[in-house]
Amino acid sequence: FETIRDAATGGSANKPTKTTVITYRDVLERIWVLDPVEAWLPTRNHLRTLTVGPKHHLADPALAARLLGVDADALLRGQTGGPTIPRDGTLLGKLFESLVTLGVRVAAEAIGARVRHLRTAEGRREIDLIVVRDDHRVVALEVKLAQSVDDEDVRHLRWLAEKIGDDLLDAVVITTGKEAYRRSDGIAVVPAAALGP
């Protein structure tokens, strides 16, 4: 809630109270503008110190682009008639993650699975999306605004594989690349454009 409040009041010393922010967040969720991804709290393994708070995504990341008055060209090239949109900054990365989250949620819902996220309390480990089946087995997904993947990008997926063993059905990094492949460590790399039924 602090992050949302700070983002909404950029640079202002006069910030609304936490209860006000919670009220606004709840309204945005009720009218389907905000679509939280709940935290994954597994019951069949020994993961400890996981956070319980949701990650907040817009129901459709195109809403953010529209509200900012930017089009695809502005987002991809960082040039607009208005404010400069940094190409490699957090905005494009967050919009990309929200777009992937939307696609993964639609596919997961079609098979009766749930989408969650994982973050340790101390912030050392984070996995963007955890798709959970009814049998509690999962697919872990990292979203990277990049065309290529290196060992640093998969370190949290490897950590999770060590922690939960056979409960991890697959580990995937979703990218802006053009080709899907499986790394030598078994982790799949899939372009966002290839997601779908």
Protein backbone atom coordinates (compact mmCIF):
# COMPACT_ATOMS: atom_id res chain seq x y z
CA PHE A 1 0.00 0.00 0.00
CA GLU A 2 2.92 2.32 0.66
CA THR A 3 4.20 1.73 -2.87
CA ILE A 4 0.79 2.49 -4.38
CA ARG A 5 0.42 5.62 -2.23
CA ASP A 6 3.89 6.88 -3.11
CA ALA A 7 3.35 6.25 -6.83
CA ALA A 8 0.00 8.05 -6.79
CA THR A 9 1.35 11.10 -4.98
CA GLY A 10 4.76 11.44 -6.66
CA GLY A 11 6.74 14.12 -4.89
CA SER A 12 3.86 15.38 -2.78
CA ALA A 13 4.53 15.80 0.93
CA ASN A 14 0.81 15.62 1.68
CA LYS A 15 -0.07 11.93 1.28
CA PRO A 16 -3.41 10.24 2.03
CA THR A 17 -3.67 7.91 5.00
CA LYS A 18 -3.32 4.16 4.60
CA THR A 19 -7.06 3.70 5.20
CA THR A 20 -7.82 6.10 2.35
CA VAL A 21 -5.45 4.25 0.01
CA ILE A 22 -7.03 0.92 0.98
CA THR A 23 -10.50 2.32 0.24
CA TYR A 24 -9.41 3.54 -3.21
CA ARG A 25 -7.70 0.22 -3.95
CA ASP A 26 -10.82 -1.70 -2.94
CA VAL A 27 -13.01 0.44 -5.22
CA LEU A 28 -10.63 -0.05 -8.16
CA GLU A 29 -10.75 -3.79 -7.56
CA ARG A 30 -14.56 -3.85 -7.37
CA ILE A 31 -14.91 -2.04 -10.70
CA TRP A 32 -12.39 -4.41 -12.33
CA VAL A 33 -9.66 -1.83 -12.95
CA LEU A 34 -7.26 -3.38 -10.48
CA ASP A 35 -6.66 -7.13 -10.57
CA PRO A 36 -4.54 -8.33 -7.63
CA VAL A 37 -2.41 -11.47 -7.83
CA GLU A 38 -2.54 -13.11 -4.43
CA ALA A 39 0.54 -14.50 -2.74
CA TRP A 40 1.25 -18.22 -3.06
CA LEU A 41 1.27 -19.83 0.36
CA PRO A 42 2.00 -23.52 -0.26
CA THR A 43 0.98 -26.09 2.30
CA ARG A 44 2.98 -29.07 1.03
CA ASN A 45 6.55 -27.84 1.39
CA HIS A 46 8.93 -26.15 3.75
CA LEU A 47 9.11 -22.64 2.32
CA ARG A 48 9.23 -20.12 5.11
CA THR A 49 9.02 -16.36 5.43
CA LEU A 50 6.85 -15.77 2.36
CA THR A 51 4.99 -12.50 2.09
CA VAL A 52 1.22 -12.65 2.10
CA GLY A 53 0.37 -9.40 0.34
CA PRO A 54 -0.95 -9.32 -3.22
CA LYS A 55 0.78 -7.82 -6.24
CA HIS A 56 -1.41 -5.29 -7.98
CA HIS A 57 -1.89 -5.31 -11.74
CA LEU A 58 -4.27 -3.34 -13.87
CA ALA A 59 -6.95 -5.57 -15.33
CA ASP A 60 -5.65 -4.49 -18.75
CA PRO A 61 -2.25 -2.77 -19.04
CA ALA A 62 -3.55 -0.83 -22.04
CA LEU A 63 -5.45 1.28 -19.49
CA ALA A 64 -2.18 2.65 -18.11
CA ALA A 65 -0.85 3.46 -21.57
CA ARG A 66 -4.09 5.20 -22.48
CA LEU A 67 -4.15 7.22 -19.26
CA LEU A 68 -0.53 8.28 -19.90
CA GLY A 69 -1.43 9.25 -23.44
CA VAL A 70 1.17 6.99 -25.02
CA ASP A 71 0.89 4.56 -27.88
CA ALA A 72 2.94 1.47 -28.75
CA ASP A 73 5.47 3.57 -30.65
CA ALA A 74 6.04 5.80 -27.65
CA LEU A 75 6.46 2.84 -25.31
CA LEU A 76 8.86 1.01 -27.59
CA ARG A 77 10.94 3.98 -28.67
CA GLY A 78 10.54 6.22 -25.61
CA GLN A 79 9.42 9.20 -27.68
CA THR A 80 6.16 11.06 -27.44
CA GLY A 81 4.89 14.54 -28.00
CA GLY A 82 4.39 14.62 -24.24
CA PRO A 83 6.40 13.13 -21.40
CA THR A 84 9.43 10.99 -22.18
CA ILE A 85 8.77 7.31 -21.58
CA PRO A 86 11.99 5.50 -20.69
CA ARG A 87 12.36 2.42 -22.92
CA ASP A 88 14.31 0.37 -20.38
CA GLY A 89 12.74 1.77 -17.23
CA THR A 90 10.25 0.20 -14.92
CA LEU A 91 7.13 1.44 -16.73
CA LEU A 92 7.54 -0.70 -19.82
CA GLY A 93 8.68 -3.66 -17.70
CA LYS A 94 5.63 -3.39 -15.44
CA LEU A 95 3.28 -3.06 -18.40
CA PHE A 96 4.91 -6.09 -20.02
CA GLU A 97 4.55 -8.10 -16.80
CA SER A 98 0.90 -7.07 -16.51
CA LEU A 99 0.24 -8.09 -20.12
CA VAL A 100 1.84 -11.50 -19.54
CA THR A 101 -0.07 -11.87 -16.27
CA LEU A 102 -3.33 -11.18 -18.08
CA GLY A 103 -2.56 -13.86 -20.68
CA VAL A 104 -1.44 -16.42 -18.11
CA ARG A 105 -4.53 -15.81 -15.96
CA VAL A 106 -6.85 -16.36 -18.91
CA ALA A 107 -5.11 -19.65 -19.79
CA ALA A 108 -4.97 -20.81 -16.17
CA GLU A 109 -8.63 -20.05 -15.59
CA ALA A 110 -9.54 -22.14 -18.64
CA ILE A 111 -8.00 -25.22 -16.98
CA GLY A 112 -9.20 -24.47 -13.45
CA ALA A 113 -5.79 -23.36 -12.13
CA ARG A 114 -5.01 -20.31 -10.01
CA VAL A 115 -2.29 -17.70 -10.53
CA ARG A 116 -0.27 -16.47 -7.57
CA HIS A 117 3.11 -14.82 -6.96
CA LEU A 118 5.99 -15.68 -4.64
CA ARG A 119 8.13 -13.28 -2.63
CA THR A 120 10.15 -14.00 0.48
CA ALA A 121 9.64 -11.62 3.39
CA GLU A 122 13.18 -10.32 3.22
CA GLY A 123 12.85 -9.78 -0.55
CA ARG A 124 15.73 -12.06 -1.53
CA ARG A 125 13.60 -14.32 -3.71
CA GLU A 126 10.73 -13.45 -6.01
CA ILE A 127 8.94 -15.32 -8.76
CA ASP A 128 6.51 -13.29 -10.83
CA LEU A 129 3.81 -15.92 -11.37
CA ILE A 130 3.04 -19.31 -9.86
CA VAL A 131 0.31 -21.28 -11.64
CA VAL A 132 -1.22 -23.67 -9.10
CA ARG A 133 -3.24 -26.75 -10.01
CA ASP A 134 -5.78 -28.39 -7.70
CA ASP A 135 -3.22 -31.08 -6.84
CA HIS A 136 -0.93 -28.28 -5.53
CA ARG A 137 1.69 -28.86 -8.24
CA VAL A 138 2.88 -25.66 -9.88
CA VAL A 139 4.43 -24.01 -12.92
CA ALA A 140 6.72 -21.11 -12.01
CA LEU A 141 7.05 -18.18 -14.43
CA GLU A 142 9.51 -15.30 -14.53
CA VAL A 143 8.74 -12.39 -16.84
CA LYS A 144 11.72 -10.59 -18.38
CA LEU A 145 11.63 -7.56 -20.64
CA ALA A 146 14.53 -8.94 -22.65
CA GLN A 147 15.13 -11.09 -25.69
CA SER A 148 17.73 -13.33 -24.07
CA VAL A 149 18.02 -15.08 -20.72
CA ASP A 150 21.11 -15.65 -18.60
CA ASP A 151 21.81 -17.56 -15.39
CA GLU A 152 20.96 -14.53 -13.24
CA ASP A 153 17.44 -14.47 -14.73
CA VAL A 154 16.72 -18.05 -13.64
CA ARG A 155 18.30 -18.10 -10.17
CA HIS A 156 14.97 -17.88 -8.33
CA LEU A 157 13.45 -20.60 -10.49
CA ARG A 158 16.39 -22.89 -9.65
CA TRP A 159 16.00 -22.07 -5.96
CA LEU A 160 12.30 -22.99 -6.08
CA ALA A 161 13.08 -26.28 -7.86
CA GLU A 162 15.47 -27.18 -5.04
CA LYS A 163 12.89 -26.29 -2.40
CA ILE A 164 9.79 -28.03 -3.74
CA GLY A 165 11.16 -30.82 -5.94
CA ASP A 166 8.54 -32.78 -7.85
CA ASP A 167 5.80 -30.29 -6.97
CA LEU A 168 7.35 -28.04 -9.61
CA LEU A 169 5.91 -29.20 -12.93
CA ASP A 170 7.93 -26.72 -14.99
CA ALA A 171 9.87 -23.47 -14.81
CA VAL A 172 9.56 -20.89 -17.57
CA VAL A 173 11.00 -17.48 -18.40
CA ILE A 174 8.71 -15.41 -20.61
CA THR A 175 10.60 -12.91 -22.79
CA THR A 176 10.30 -10.53 -25.70
CA GLY A 177 12.41 -12.91 -27.80
CA LYS A 178 11.40 -14.63 -31.01
CA GLU A 179 12.09 -18.30 -30.31
CA ALA A 180 11.03 -20.78 -27.66
CA TYR A 181 13.64 -23.21 -26.39
CA ARG A 182 14.70 -25.15 -23.32
CA ARG A 183 17.95 -24.24 -21.62
CA SER A 184 20.49 -26.91 -20.67
CA ASP A 185 19.27 -26.65 -17.04
CA GLY A 186 15.74 -27.60 -18.20
CA ILE A 187 14.16 -24.17 -17.79
CA ALA A 188 11.96 -23.19 -20.72
CA VAL A 189 12.30 -19.81 -22.43
CA VAL A 190 9.12 -18.73 -24.20
CA PRO A 191 8.34 -15.51 -26.10
CA ALA A 192 5.27 -13.71 -24.82
CA ALA A 193 3.97 -13.72 -28.41
CA ALA A 194 3.82 -17.54 -28.26
CA LEU A 195 1.51 -17.63 -25.23
CA GLY A 196 -1.97 -18.77 -25.99
CA PRO A 197 -4.21 -21.79 -26.28
